Each structure stands twice: as C-alpha cells, then as structure tokens.
Amino acid sequence: MSVHSATPYLILNGKAALAIPFYVDALEAKLESRQHFGDVDESCPEARRDLVMHAVLRVGEALIMLSDGQGEGPLPTAGIVTIALNLDDVDQAHRIFNALATGGKVAQPLIPVPWGALFGAVTDRFGVEWLFNCALSTP
C-alpha cells in the first residue's frame, strides 16, 4: 500500500510561532523541522516571510504538522485540522486525490514541488480537508 501515514495538520492562521513552543511543552514534543514562507520562496511578500509554512512536531511515535496557512482572516470553513497523507505511488496518489475531489473542491491540484514530491490539497464532499505529499521517484 502506498499510504505511509495520515497525520493531523493544524492550520493556525498566524499563530504557529506561539503554538509551537506551547505544544512542545504541553505534549513533551520535539520540534523536528520548521520552514518559513520566506525560506522557500524568494518572491514571498515581506508580510508573509516569517510565517510558518510547515512545521513538524514529534509526539512520542506520532507526528503533528502545522502551518500558519494564509496567516490571516477567518479559519478555513472545514475547521483548523487537515489530514496530511504521505504516499509513495504517483498513480495511487492521483486515484485517491480524484476520488476525494468527487463532489468536493480542489484547492490545489497535484503539482510537482521543490522538495521532490507531488503536492495537492482537496476538501472532500463532507468538508474534510486533505493534503497530499507523494514522493517522486528519482531516475
């Protein structure tokens, strides 16, 4: 099976910098990685450069991912938790993505991204948000 994990992904609208140390302390978590929008996109507007694009906390054997998302405005209509799927089979990623998109709404089609994967986002017909990360095999 190509789905390696289904991980909660918190979208915190500009509060990630406050949430990370809180969760590290409260959950005895370890911050494994943190990237800011400005770290990966030189054309990023100045107001977004220091917002957290992606962070990973390890809580025992589990992971929690989080982001500032857009960093402002109302929370996403489906809430602040998204499920992030990590896959290794491109065909299966497309199949699952398209199945979840049926009757739902694609926020980001599956596209190649700088970290060597396909990335996409979809909200299914029940309002559940899904992020896809599928490793691209190297030749």
C-alpha atoms as a PDB file:
ATOM      1  CA  MET A   1       0.000   0.000   0.000  1.00  0.00           C
ATOM      2  CA  SER A   2       1.362   3.421  -0.815  1.00  0.00           C
ATOM      3  CA  VAL A   3      -0.172   5.447   2.033  1.00  0.00           C
ATOM      4  CA  HIS A   4       2.532   5.633   4.702  1.00  0.00           C
ATOM      5  CA  SER A   5       0.671   7.799   7.191  1.00  0.00           C
ATOM      6  CA  ALA A   6      -2.301  10.046   7.827  1.00  0.00           C
ATOM      7  CA  THR A   7      -1.161  12.911  10.004  1.00  0.00           C
ATOM      8  CA  PRO A   8      -3.175  15.748  11.584  1.00  0.00           C
ATOM      9  CA  TYR A   9      -2.187  19.096  10.117  1.00  0.00           C
ATOM     10  CA  LEU A  10      -3.110  22.190  12.131  1.00  0.00           C
ATOM     11  CA  ILE A  11      -3.768  25.407  10.192  1.00  0.00           C
ATOM     12  CA  LEU A  12      -3.249  28.180  12.740  1.00  0.00           C
ATOM     13  CA  ASN A  13      -3.728  31.439  10.802  1.00  0.00           C
ATOM     14  CA  GLY A  14      -0.699  33.325  12.029  1.00  0.00           C
ATOM     15  CA  LYS A  15      -0.439  31.690  15.472  1.00  0.00           C
ATOM     16  CA  ALA A  16       2.067  28.915  14.666  1.00  0.00           C
ATOM     17  CA  ALA A  17       5.036  30.710  16.252  1.00  0.00           C
ATOM     18  CA  LEU A  18       3.088  30.821  19.525  1.00  0.00           C
ATOM     19  CA  ALA A  19       1.682  27.312  19.181  1.00  0.00           C
ATOM     20  CA  ILE A  20       4.983  25.506  18.570  1.00  0.00           C
ATOM     21  CA  PRO A  21       6.565  26.161  21.995  1.00  0.00           C
ATOM     22  CA  PHE A  22       3.181  25.614  23.647  1.00  0.00           C
ATOM     23  CA  TYR A  23       2.808  22.143  22.080  1.00  0.00           C
ATOM     24  CA  VAL A  24       6.476  21.295  22.679  1.00  0.00           C
ATOM     25  CA  ASP A  25       5.931  21.976  26.389  1.00  0.00           C
ATOM     26  CA  ALA A  26       2.373  20.661  26.810  1.00  0.00           C
ATOM     27  CA  LEU A  27       2.869  17.478  24.767  1.00  0.00           C
ATOM     28  CA  GLU A  28       6.575  16.981  25.557  1.00  0.00           C
ATOM     29  CA  ALA A  29       7.041  17.127  21.805  1.00  0.00           C
ATOM     30  CA  LYS A  30      10.220  17.603  19.807  1.00  0.00           C
ATOM     31  CA  LEU A  31      10.315  20.176  17.009  1.00  0.00           C
ATOM     32  CA  GLU A  32      11.709  18.195  14.072  1.00  0.00           C
ATOM     33  CA  SER A  33      11.550  20.881  11.414  1.00  0.00           C
ATOM     34  CA  ARG A  34      10.245  24.358  10.673  1.00  0.00           C
ATOM     35  CA  GLN A  35      10.223  26.274   7.386  1.00  0.00           C
ATOM     36  CA  HIS A  36       9.021  29.806   6.889  1.00  0.00           C
ATOM     37  CA  PHE A  37       7.427  31.008   3.658  1.00  0.00           C
ATOM     38  CA  GLY A  38      10.436  33.263   3.090  1.00  0.00           C
ATOM     39  CA  ASP A  39      12.798  30.267   3.372  1.00  0.00           C
ATOM     40  CA  VAL A  40      11.380  28.573   0.278  1.00  0.00           C
ATOM     41  CA  ASP A  41      10.027  31.419  -1.854  1.00  0.00           C
ATOM     42  CA  GLU A  42      12.270  34.400  -2.568  1.00  0.00           C
ATOM     43  CA  SER A  43       9.326  36.237  -4.141  1.00  0.00           C
ATOM     44  CA  CYS A  44       7.262  35.871  -0.961  1.00  0.00           C
ATOM     45  CA  PRO A  45       5.718  39.176   0.176  1.00  0.00           C
ATOM     46  CA  GLU A  46       7.539  40.690   3.161  1.00  0.00           C
ATOM     47  CA  ALA A  47       4.434  40.372   5.373  1.00  0.00           C
ATOM     48  CA  ARG A  48       4.438  36.560   4.902  1.00  0.00           C
ATOM     49  CA  ARG A  49       8.188  35.846   5.011  1.00  0.00           C
ATOM     50  CA  ASP A  50       8.293  34.935   8.731  1.00  0.00           C
ATOM     51  CA  LEU A  51       5.031  32.984   8.804  1.00  0.00           C
ATOM     52  CA  VAL A  52       5.425  29.236   9.325  1.00  0.00           C
ATOM     53  CA  MET A  53       4.867  27.405   6.049  1.00  0.00           C
ATOM     54  CA  HIS A  54       5.400  23.955   7.550  1.00  0.00           C
ATOM     55  CA  ALA A  55       6.499  22.558  10.902  1.00  0.00           C
ATOM     56  CA  VAL A  56       6.683  19.016  12.236  1.00  0.00           C
ATOM     57  CA  LEU A  57       6.374  18.049  15.884  1.00  0.00           C
ATOM     58  CA  ARG A  58       7.129  14.526  17.092  1.00  0.00           C
ATOM     59  CA  VAL A  59       4.948  13.424  19.988  1.00  0.00           C
ATOM     60  CA  GLY A  60       6.245  10.013  21.016  1.00  0.00           C
ATOM     61  CA  GLU A  61       5.866   7.894  17.856  1.00  0.00           C
ATOM     62  CA  ALA A  62       3.271  10.243  16.312  1.00  0.00           C
ATOM     63  CA  LEU A  63       3.650  13.387  14.220  1.00  0.00           C
ATOM     64  CA  ILE A  64       1.659  16.598  14.248  1.00  0.00           C
ATOM     65  CA  MET A  65       2.215  19.042  11.398  1.00  0.00           C
ATOM     66  CA  LEU A  66       1.253  22.679  11.452  1.00  0.00           C
ATOM     67  CA  SER A  67       1.278  25.846   9.402  1.00  0.00           C
ATOM     68  CA  ASP A  68       0.143  29.432   9.549  1.00  0.00           C
ATOM     69  CA  GLY A  69      -1.773  28.797   6.319  1.00  0.00           C
ATOM     70  CA  GLN A  70      -2.838  32.141   4.905  1.00  0.00           C
ATOM     71  CA  GLY A  71      -1.891  33.772   8.209  1.00  0.00           C
ATOM     72  CA  GLU A  72      -4.964  35.959   8.442  1.00  0.00           C
ATOM     73  CA  GLY A  73      -8.693  36.042   8.004  1.00  0.00           C
ATOM     74  CA  PRO A  74     -11.242  33.511   9.134  1.00  0.00           C
ATOM     75  CA  LEU A  75     -10.338  29.912   9.827  1.00  0.00           C
ATOM     76  CA  PRO A  76     -10.957  27.528   6.950  1.00  0.00           C
ATOM     77  CA  THR A  77     -14.631  26.578   6.733  1.00  0.00           C
ATOM     78  CA  ALA A  78     -13.857  22.940   7.495  1.00  0.00           C
ATOM     79  CA  GLY A  79     -12.021  23.860  10.718  1.00  0.00           C
ATOM     80  CA  ILE A  80      -8.374  24.035  11.652  1.00  0.00           C
ATOM     81  CA  VAL A  81      -7.428  20.363  11.271  1.00  0.00           C
ATOM     82  CA  THR A  82      -6.413  18.922   7.931  1.00  0.00           C
ATOM     83  CA  ILE A  83      -5.308  15.327   7.278  1.00  0.00           C
ATOM     84  CA  ALA A  84      -1.947  15.065   5.526  1.00  0.00           C
ATOM     85  CA  LEU A  85      -1.399  11.896   3.500  1.00  0.00           C
ATOM     86  CA  ASN A  86       2.149  10.810   2.752  1.00  0.00           C
ATOM     87  CA  LEU A  87       2.329   8.477  -0.266  1.00  0.00           C
ATOM     88  CA  ASP A  88       4.944   6.881  -2.492  1.00  0.00           C
ATOM     89  CA  ASP A  89       2.884   5.800  -5.530  1.00  0.00           C
ATOM     90  CA  VAL A  90       2.032   8.574  -8.010  1.00  0.00           C
ATOM     91  CA  ASP A  91      -0.793   6.636  -9.677  1.00  0.00           C
ATOM     92  CA  GLN A  92      -2.424   5.846  -6.352  1.00  0.00           C
ATOM     93  CA  ALA A  93      -1.983   9.465  -5.225  1.00  0.00           C
ATOM     94  CA  HIS A  94      -3.896  10.628  -8.312  1.00  0.00           C
ATOM     95  CA  ARG A  95      -6.583   7.969  -7.804  1.00  0.00           C
ATOM     96  CA  ILE A  96      -7.160   8.861  -4.137  1.00  0.00           C
ATOM     97  CA  PHE A  97      -6.985  12.600  -4.851  1.00  0.00           C
ATOM     98  CA  ASN A  98      -9.570  12.341  -7.650  1.00  0.00           C
ATOM     99  CA  ALA A  99     -11.848  10.138  -5.544  1.00  0.00           C
ATOM    100  CA  LEU A 100     -11.797  12.623  -2.649  1.00  0.00           C
ATOM    101  CA  ALA A 101     -12.350  15.519  -5.076  1.00  0.00           C
ATOM    102  CA  THR A 102     -15.539  13.936  -6.469  1.00  0.00           C
ATOM    103  CA  GLY A 103     -18.303  16.135  -5.103  1.00  0.00           C
ATOM    104  CA  GLY A 104     -15.693  18.186  -3.228  1.00  0.00           C
ATOM    105  CA  LYS A 105     -13.441  21.109  -4.076  1.00  0.00           C
ATOM    106  CA  VAL A 106      -9.833  21.100  -5.252  1.00  0.00           C
ATOM    107  CA  ALA A 107      -7.825  23.839  -3.552  1.00  0.00           C
ATOM    108  CA  GLN A 108      -4.511  22.859  -5.176  1.00  0.00           C
ATOM    109  CA  PRO A 109      -4.217  20.297  -7.983  1.00  0.00           C
ATOM    110  CA  LEU A 110      -1.409  17.755  -7.607  1.00  0.00           C
ATOM    111  CA  ILE A 111       1.728  19.503  -8.867  1.00  0.00           C
ATOM    112  CA  PRO A 112       5.481  18.893  -8.616  1.00  0.00           C
ATOM    113  CA  VAL A 113       7.014  20.946  -5.778  1.00  0.00           C
ATOM    114  CA  PRO A 114      10.620  21.895  -4.901  1.00  0.00           C
ATOM    115  CA  TRP A 115      11.034  19.188  -2.247  1.00  0.00           C
ATOM    116  CA  GLY A 116      10.810  16.404  -4.860  1.00  0.00           C
ATOM    117  CA  ALA A 117       7.184  15.432  -4.458  1.00  0.00           C
ATOM    118  CA  LEU A 118       3.711  15.965  -5.838  1.00  0.00           C
ATOM    119  CA  PHE A 119       1.651  18.204  -3.594  1.00  0.00           C
ATOM    120  CA  GLY A 120      -2.078  18.889  -3.649  1.00  0.00           C
ATOM    121  CA  ALA A 121      -4.990  19.888  -1.445  1.00  0.00           C
ATOM    122  CA  VAL A 122      -8.652  18.984  -1.633  1.00  0.00           C
ATOM    123  CA  THR A 123     -11.736  19.347   0.548  1.00  0.00           C
ATOM    124  CA  ASP A 124     -13.990  16.336   0.210  1.00  0.00           C
ATOM    125  CA  ARG A 125     -17.794  16.401  -0.034  1.00  0.00           C
ATOM    126  CA  PHE A 126     -18.032  16.158   3.765  1.00  0.00           C
ATOM    127  CA  GLY A 127     -15.852  19.217   4.378  1.00  0.00           C
ATOM    128  CA  VAL A 128     -12.735  17.276   5.423  1.00  0.00           C
ATOM    129  CA  GLU A 129      -9.530  18.863   4.149  1.00  0.00           C
ATOM    130  CA  TRP A 130      -6.765  16.613   2.782  1.00  0.00           C
ATOM    131  CA  LEU A 131      -3.159  17.453   1.905  1.00  0.00           C
ATOM    132  CA  PHE A 132      -1.199  15.137  -0.365  1.00  0.00           C
ATOM    133  CA  ASN A 133       2.549  14.668  -0.465  1.00  0.00           C
ATOM    134  CA  CYS A 134       3.739  11.951  -2.827  1.00  0.00           C
ATOM    135  CA  ALA A 135       7.439  11.307  -3.250  1.00  0.00           C
ATOM    136  CA  LEU A 136       8.558  11.388  -6.873  1.00  0.00           C
ATOM    137  CA  SER A 137      10.879   8.534  -7.692  1.00  0.00           C
ATOM    138  CA  THR A 138      14.307   9.594  -8.809  1.00  0.00           C
ATOM    139  CA  PRO A 139      15.688   8.173 -12.085  1.00  0.00           C
END
